[in-house]
Amino acid sequence: MYPDNLRYTKEHEWVKVEGATGTIGITDHAQKELGDIVYVDLPKVGAVVETGKSLGSVESVKAVSEIYAPVSGEVLEINAMLSASPEKLNEDPHGEAWLVKVKLSSPDEINQLMSAADYRKHLGEA
């Protein structure tokens, strides 16, 4: 359910680190809580995101929720597919429906995030 190669936040975001790049998304738990996602607002390429600060938002039929950066860095790429198909976040939140890729400015920040096992405990699923 929650891939072991990702790190998680208490606010239900995840990051996958490959070299100096972090791919950020929202968790399966987050998409279930939101319900049907109808719009995704992401930062522009080149924007700088900061750990714990909003990097965008996800709008569902129920509510608008802020997305908080799990790591700091410069936005290298956004998932353009989500502007045309935001519902992909409901279908594949840990895979194809990633949100942004950032060049990590402080790679050590990853150590502050939860493992998949810790995240499951946080959700009360372990």
N, C-alpha and C. Protein backbone atom coordinates (compact mmCIF):
# COMPACT_ATOMS: atom_id res chain seq x y z
N MET A 1 0.83 -1.20 0.00
CA MET A 1 0.00 0.00 0.00
C MET A 1 0.87 1.26 0.00
N TYR A 2 1.86 1.33 0.91
CA TYR A 2 2.77 2.48 0.96
C TYR A 2 4.18 1.98 0.64
N PRO A 3 4.67 2.30 -0.56
CA PRO A 3 5.97 1.77 -1.00
C PRO A 3 7.11 2.09 -0.04
N ASP A 4 7.98 1.09 0.17
CA ASP A 4 9.09 1.24 1.09
C ASP A 4 10.18 2.17 0.58
N ASN A 5 10.21 2.45 -0.73
CA ASN A 5 11.26 3.31 -1.27
C ASN A 5 10.90 4.79 -1.18
N LEU A 6 9.76 5.12 -0.56
CA LEU A 6 9.35 6.50 -0.37
C LEU A 6 9.50 6.89 1.10
N ARG A 7 9.60 8.19 1.35
CA ARG A 7 9.59 8.73 2.72
C ARG A 7 8.35 9.59 2.84
N TYR A 8 7.78 9.67 4.04
CA TYR A 8 6.45 10.25 4.23
C TYR A 8 6.43 11.35 5.29
N THR A 9 5.45 12.26 5.14
CA THR A 9 5.23 13.31 6.14
C THR A 9 3.94 13.04 6.90
N LYS A 10 3.78 13.68 8.05
CA LYS A 10 2.54 13.56 8.82
C LYS A 10 1.39 14.24 8.08
N GLU A 11 1.71 15.11 7.14
CA GLU A 11 0.67 15.82 6.37
C GLU A 11 0.27 15.04 5.11
N HIS A 12 0.80 13.82 4.95
CA HIS A 12 0.41 12.88 3.90
C HIS A 12 1.00 13.20 2.52
N GLU A 13 2.23 13.72 2.53
CA GLU A 13 2.99 13.81 1.28
C GLU A 13 4.08 12.75 1.32
N TRP A 14 4.61 12.43 0.14
CA TRP A 14 5.74 11.51 0.06
C TRP A 14 6.82 12.11 -0.83
N VAL A 15 8.03 11.59 -0.68
CA VAL A 15 9.14 11.97 -1.55
C VAL A 15 9.96 10.73 -1.85
N LYS A 16 10.38 10.64 -3.10
CA LYS A 16 11.27 9.57 -3.55
C LYS A 16 12.55 10.25 -3.99
N VAL A 17 13.66 9.91 -3.35
CA VAL A 17 14.94 10.54 -3.65
C VAL A 17 15.75 9.64 -4.58
N GLU A 18 16.19 10.23 -5.70
CA GLU A 18 17.08 9.55 -6.64
C GLU A 18 18.22 10.51 -6.94
N GLY A 19 19.38 10.22 -6.36
CA GLY A 19 20.51 11.14 -6.53
C GLY A 19 20.20 12.46 -5.85
N ALA A 20 20.28 13.56 -6.61
CA ALA A 20 20.01 14.90 -6.06
C ALA A 20 18.59 15.37 -6.37
N THR A 21 17.74 14.45 -6.86
CA THR A 21 16.37 14.82 -7.23
C THR A 21 15.37 14.14 -6.31
N GLY A 22 14.39 14.93 -5.88
CA GLY A 22 13.30 14.40 -5.08
C GLY A 22 12.00 14.52 -5.84
N THR A 23 11.29 13.41 -6.00
CA THR A 23 9.97 13.41 -6.62
C THR A 23 8.95 13.43 -5.49
N ILE A 24 8.00 14.38 -5.56
CA ILE A 24 7.05 14.61 -4.48
C ILE A 24 5.64 14.28 -4.95
N GLY A 25 4.85 13.69 -4.05
CA GLY A 25 3.46 13.41 -4.34
C GLY A 25 2.63 13.39 -3.06
N ILE A 26 1.35 13.05 -3.21
CA ILE A 26 0.50 12.86 -2.03
C ILE A 26 0.23 11.37 -1.86
N THR A 27 -0.07 10.97 -0.64
CA THR A 27 -0.23 9.55 -0.36
C THR A 27 -1.63 9.04 -0.73
N ASP A 28 -1.74 7.74 -0.77
CA ASP A 28 -3.02 7.10 -1.02
C ASP A 28 -4.03 7.52 0.05
N HIS A 29 -3.58 7.62 1.29
CA HIS A 29 -4.47 8.07 2.37
C HIS A 29 -5.01 9.46 2.06
N ALA A 30 -4.15 10.37 1.60
CA ALA A 30 -4.58 11.74 1.30
C ALA A 30 -5.63 11.75 0.20
N GLN A 31 -5.40 10.99 -0.87
CA GLN A 31 -6.36 11.03 -1.97
C GLN A 31 -7.70 10.43 -1.54
N LYS A 32 -7.68 9.42 -0.66
CA LYS A 32 -8.94 8.85 -0.16
C LYS A 32 -9.70 9.86 0.68
N GLU A 33 -8.98 10.59 1.53
CA GLU A 33 -9.60 11.60 2.38
C GLU A 33 -10.20 12.74 1.54
N LEU A 34 -9.51 13.11 0.48
CA LEU A 34 -9.97 14.20 -0.37
C LEU A 34 -11.19 13.82 -1.20
N GLY A 35 -11.25 12.58 -1.63
CA GLY A 35 -12.33 12.19 -2.54
C GLY A 35 -11.95 12.52 -3.97
N ASP A 36 -12.94 12.73 -4.82
CA ASP A 36 -12.69 12.95 -6.25
C ASP A 36 -11.94 14.25 -6.48
N ILE A 37 -10.70 14.13 -6.98
CA ILE A 37 -9.85 15.30 -7.23
C ILE A 37 -10.18 15.90 -8.58
N VAL A 38 -10.42 17.23 -8.58
CA VAL A 38 -10.86 17.91 -9.80
C VAL A 38 -9.86 18.95 -10.31
N TYR A 39 -8.88 19.34 -9.49
CA TYR A 39 -7.92 20.37 -9.91
C TYR A 39 -6.66 20.27 -9.06
N VAL A 40 -5.52 20.49 -9.71
CA VAL A 40 -4.24 20.49 -9.01
C VAL A 40 -3.51 21.78 -9.37
N ASP A 41 -3.07 22.53 -8.36
CA ASP A 41 -2.33 23.78 -8.55
C ASP A 41 -0.89 23.52 -8.12
N LEU A 42 0.03 23.60 -9.08
CA LEU A 42 1.44 23.31 -8.82
C LEU A 42 2.31 24.54 -9.07
N PRO A 43 3.50 24.59 -8.46
CA PRO A 43 4.40 25.72 -8.69
C PRO A 43 4.98 25.68 -10.09
N LYS A 44 5.57 26.78 -10.49
CA LYS A 44 6.22 26.84 -11.80
C LYS A 44 7.63 26.25 -11.71
N VAL A 45 8.11 25.73 -12.83
CA VAL A 45 9.49 25.25 -12.90
C VAL A 45 10.40 26.42 -12.56
N GLY A 46 11.40 26.17 -11.70
CA GLY A 46 12.32 27.22 -11.25
C GLY A 46 11.96 27.79 -9.90
N ALA A 47 10.72 27.56 -9.45
CA ALA A 47 10.31 28.03 -8.12
C ALA A 47 11.11 27.29 -7.06
N VAL A 48 11.31 27.94 -5.93
CA VAL A 48 12.00 27.31 -4.81
C VAL A 48 10.96 26.93 -3.76
N VAL A 49 10.99 25.66 -3.35
CA VAL A 49 10.07 25.20 -2.30
C VAL A 49 10.87 24.95 -1.04
N GLU A 50 10.19 25.12 0.10
CA GLU A 50 10.84 25.01 1.39
C GLU A 50 10.10 23.98 2.24
N THR A 51 10.85 23.15 2.93
CA THR A 51 10.26 22.12 3.79
C THR A 51 9.19 22.70 4.68
N GLY A 52 8.02 22.05 4.68
CA GLY A 52 6.93 22.46 5.56
C GLY A 52 6.09 23.60 5.04
N LYS A 53 6.51 24.22 3.94
CA LYS A 53 5.75 25.34 3.36
C LYS A 53 4.92 24.81 2.18
N SER A 54 3.85 25.52 1.89
CA SER A 54 2.96 25.11 0.80
C SER A 54 3.68 25.19 -0.54
N LEU A 55 3.50 24.15 -1.35
CA LEU A 55 4.05 24.20 -2.71
C LEU A 55 2.93 24.22 -3.75
N GLY A 56 1.69 24.09 -3.29
CA GLY A 56 0.55 24.10 -4.18
C GLY A 56 -0.67 23.58 -3.45
N SER A 57 -1.70 23.21 -4.23
CA SER A 57 -2.91 22.70 -3.60
C SER A 57 -3.60 21.69 -4.51
N VAL A 58 -4.45 20.91 -3.87
CA VAL A 58 -5.26 19.92 -4.57
C VAL A 58 -6.71 20.23 -4.22
N GLU A 59 -7.55 20.32 -5.25
CA GLU A 59 -8.96 20.61 -5.03
C GLU A 59 -9.78 19.37 -5.37
N SER A 60 -10.66 19.02 -4.43
CA SER A 60 -11.56 17.90 -4.68
C SER A 60 -12.99 18.41 -4.62
N VAL A 61 -13.94 17.53 -4.85
CA VAL A 61 -15.33 17.94 -4.76
C VAL A 61 -15.68 18.33 -3.32
N LYS A 62 -14.88 17.88 -2.34
CA LYS A 62 -15.13 18.17 -0.92
C LYS A 62 -14.44 19.43 -0.42
N ALA A 63 -13.18 19.64 -0.84
CA ALA A 63 -12.37 20.69 -0.21
C ALA A 63 -11.13 21.01 -1.05
N VAL A 64 -10.46 22.10 -0.66
CA VAL A 64 -9.15 22.43 -1.21
C VAL A 64 -8.13 22.17 -0.11
N SER A 65 -7.08 21.42 -0.42
CA SER A 65 -6.05 21.11 0.57
C SER A 65 -4.70 21.58 0.08
N GLU A 66 -3.96 22.19 0.99
CA GLU A 66 -2.60 22.60 0.68
C GLU A 66 -1.71 21.37 0.59
N ILE A 67 -0.69 21.46 -0.25
CA ILE A 67 0.34 20.43 -0.34
C ILE A 67 1.60 21.06 0.24
N TYR A 68 2.20 20.38 1.22
CA TYR A 68 3.38 20.91 1.88
C TYR A 68 4.62 20.17 1.40
N ALA A 69 5.67 20.93 1.13
CA ALA A 69 6.92 20.35 0.64
C ALA A 69 7.57 19.49 1.72
N PRO A 70 7.85 18.22 1.44
CA PRO A 70 8.55 17.38 2.42
C PRO A 70 10.05 17.67 2.46
N VAL A 71 10.56 18.29 1.40
CA VAL A 71 11.98 18.65 1.30
C VAL A 71 12.10 20.01 0.61
N SER A 72 13.25 20.64 0.77
CA SER A 72 13.50 21.93 0.13
C SER A 72 14.25 21.74 -1.18
N GLY A 73 14.00 22.65 -2.12
CA GLY A 73 14.73 22.59 -3.38
C GLY A 73 14.09 23.42 -4.46
N GLU A 74 14.69 23.34 -5.64
CA GLU A 74 14.21 24.08 -6.80
C GLU A 74 13.39 23.14 -7.69
N VAL A 75 12.22 23.60 -8.10
CA VAL A 75 11.35 22.78 -8.95
C VAL A 75 12.00 22.61 -10.32
N LEU A 76 12.25 21.34 -10.68
CA LEU A 76 12.85 21.01 -11.97
C LEU A 76 11.78 20.66 -13.01
N GLU A 77 10.69 20.07 -12.53
CA GLU A 77 9.66 19.56 -13.44
C GLU A 77 8.35 19.46 -12.68
N ILE A 78 7.24 19.73 -13.40
CA ILE A 78 5.93 19.46 -12.82
C ILE A 78 5.26 18.39 -13.68
N ASN A 79 4.34 17.67 -13.09
CA ASN A 79 3.63 16.62 -13.81
C ASN A 79 2.49 17.25 -14.60
N ALA A 80 2.77 17.60 -15.85
CA ALA A 80 1.80 18.30 -16.70
C ALA A 80 0.53 17.48 -16.94
N MET A 81 0.64 16.16 -16.86
CA MET A 81 -0.52 15.30 -17.06
C MET A 81 -1.65 15.67 -16.09
N LEU A 82 -1.30 16.14 -14.88
CA LEU A 82 -2.31 16.41 -13.87
C LEU A 82 -3.18 17.61 -14.19
N SER A 83 -2.70 18.53 -15.03
CA SER A 83 -3.55 19.68 -15.38
C SER A 83 -4.72 19.22 -16.24
N ALA A 84 -4.49 18.23 -17.08
CA ALA A 84 -5.57 17.71 -17.93
C ALA A 84 -6.33 16.58 -17.25
N SER A 85 -5.66 15.83 -16.39
CA SER A 85 -6.28 14.64 -15.76
C SER A 85 -5.99 14.60 -14.26
N PRO A 86 -6.54 15.55 -13.48
CA PRO A 86 -6.26 15.56 -12.04
C PRO A 86 -6.75 14.31 -11.33
N GLU A 87 -7.73 13.63 -11.91
CA GLU A 87 -8.27 12.41 -11.29
C GLU A 87 -7.24 11.29 -11.21
N LYS A 88 -6.13 11.41 -11.96
CA LYS A 88 -5.05 10.41 -11.88
C LYS A 88 -4.52 10.30 -10.45
N LEU A 89 -4.61 11.40 -9.69
CA LEU A 89 -4.17 11.36 -8.29
C LEU A 89 -4.99 10.36 -7.48
N ASN A 90 -6.25 10.16 -7.84
CA ASN A 90 -7.07 9.17 -7.16
C ASN A 90 -6.70 7.75 -7.59
N GLU A 91 -6.17 7.62 -8.79
CA GLU A 91 -5.91 6.30 -9.36
C GLU A 91 -4.51 5.77 -9.05
N ASP A 92 -3.50 6.63 -9.05
CA ASP A 92 -2.12 6.17 -8.89
C ASP A 92 -1.28 7.21 -8.14
N PRO A 93 -1.64 7.50 -6.86
CA PRO A 93 -0.96 8.59 -6.14
C PRO A 93 0.52 8.35 -5.86
N HIS A 94 0.96 7.07 -5.80
CA HIS A 94 2.36 6.79 -5.50
C HIS A 94 3.18 6.52 -6.75
N GLY A 95 2.58 6.64 -7.92
CA GLY A 95 3.29 6.31 -9.15
C GLY A 95 3.17 7.40 -10.20
N GLU A 96 2.36 7.14 -11.21
CA GLU A 96 2.22 8.02 -12.36
C GLU A 96 1.76 9.43 -11.99
N ALA A 97 1.06 9.58 -10.88
CA ALA A 97 0.49 10.89 -10.50
C ALA A 97 1.36 11.66 -9.50
N TRP A 98 2.67 11.58 -9.65
CA TRP A 98 3.57 12.42 -8.84
C TRP A 98 3.26 13.88 -9.18
N LEU A 99 3.66 14.79 -8.29
CA LEU A 99 3.34 16.21 -8.48
C LEU A 99 4.49 17.01 -9.08
N VAL A 100 5.62 17.03 -8.39
CA VAL A 100 6.77 17.81 -8.84
C VAL A 100 8.06 17.06 -8.58
N LYS A 101 9.09 17.43 -9.34
CA LYS A 101 10.45 16.95 -9.09
C LYS A 101 11.28 18.16 -8.72
N VAL A 102 12.06 18.03 -7.65
CA VAL A 102 12.89 19.14 -7.19
C VAL A 102 14.34 18.73 -7.09
N LYS A 103 15.22 19.71 -7.32
CA LYS A 103 16.65 19.52 -7.06
C LYS A 103 16.83 19.80 -5.58
N LEU A 104 17.23 18.78 -4.83
CA LEU A 104 17.33 18.91 -3.38
C LEU A 104 18.39 19.92 -2.97
N SER A 105 18.01 20.86 -2.09
CA SER A 105 18.99 21.82 -1.59
C SER A 105 19.58 21.36 -0.27
N SER A 106 18.87 20.49 0.46
CA SER A 106 19.36 19.95 1.73
C SER A 106 19.01 18.46 1.80
N PRO A 107 19.80 17.60 1.15
CA PRO A 107 19.47 16.17 1.10
C PRO A 107 19.27 15.52 2.47
N ASP A 108 19.89 16.08 3.52
CA ASP A 108 19.75 15.50 4.86
C ASP A 108 18.32 15.59 5.39
N GLU A 109 17.50 16.48 4.82
CA GLU A 109 16.11 16.63 5.28
C GLU A 109 15.34 15.31 5.19
N ILE A 110 15.75 14.46 4.29
CA ILE A 110 15.06 13.17 4.10
C ILE A 110 15.08 12.36 5.40
N ASN A 111 16.11 12.56 6.22
CA ASN A 111 16.24 11.82 7.47
C ASN A 111 15.18 12.19 8.51
N GLN A 112 14.50 13.33 8.30
CA GLN A 112 13.46 13.77 9.23
C GLN A 112 12.10 13.16 8.89
N LEU A 113 12.01 12.47 7.75
CA LEU A 113 10.73 11.93 7.29
C LEU A 113 10.52 10.49 7.74
N MET A 114 9.28 10.05 7.68
CA MET A 114 8.93 8.70 8.14
C MET A 114 9.17 7.65 7.06
N SER A 115 9.55 6.47 7.51
CA SER A 115 9.60 5.30 6.62
C SER A 115 8.16 4.85 6.37
N ALA A 116 7.98 3.92 5.43
CA ALA A 116 6.65 3.39 5.16
C ALA A 116 6.05 2.76 6.42
N ALA A 117 6.88 2.01 7.17
CA ALA A 117 6.39 1.36 8.40
C ALA A 117 5.95 2.41 9.42
N ASP A 118 6.75 3.47 9.57
CA ASP A 118 6.40 4.54 10.52
C ASP A 118 5.13 5.26 10.07
N TYR A 119 4.97 5.46 8.77
CA TYR A 119 3.78 6.13 8.25
C TYR A 119 2.53 5.29 8.52
N ARG A 120 2.64 3.98 8.30
CA ARG A 120 1.51 3.09 8.59
C ARG A 120 1.13 3.18 10.07
N LYS A 121 2.14 3.24 10.95
CA LYS A 121 1.88 3.41 12.40
C LYS A 121 1.18 4.73 12.65
N HIS A 122 1.65 5.79 12.00
CA HIS A 122 1.05 7.13 12.13
C HIS A 122 -0.44 7.09 11.76
N LEU A 123 -0.77 6.30 10.75
CA LEU A 123 -2.16 6.17 10.31
C LEU A 123 -2.97 5.21 11.18
N GLY A 124 -2.27 4.49 12.05
CA GLY A 124 -2.94 3.50 12.89
C GLY A 124 -3.19 2.19 12.16
N GLU A 125 -2.42 1.94 11.09
CA GLU A 125 -2.61 0.74 10.29
C GLU A 125 -1.61 -0.37 10.62
N ALA A 126 -0.64 -0.06 11.46
CA ALA A 126 0.42 -1.07 11.74
C ALA A 126 0.06 -1.92 12.93
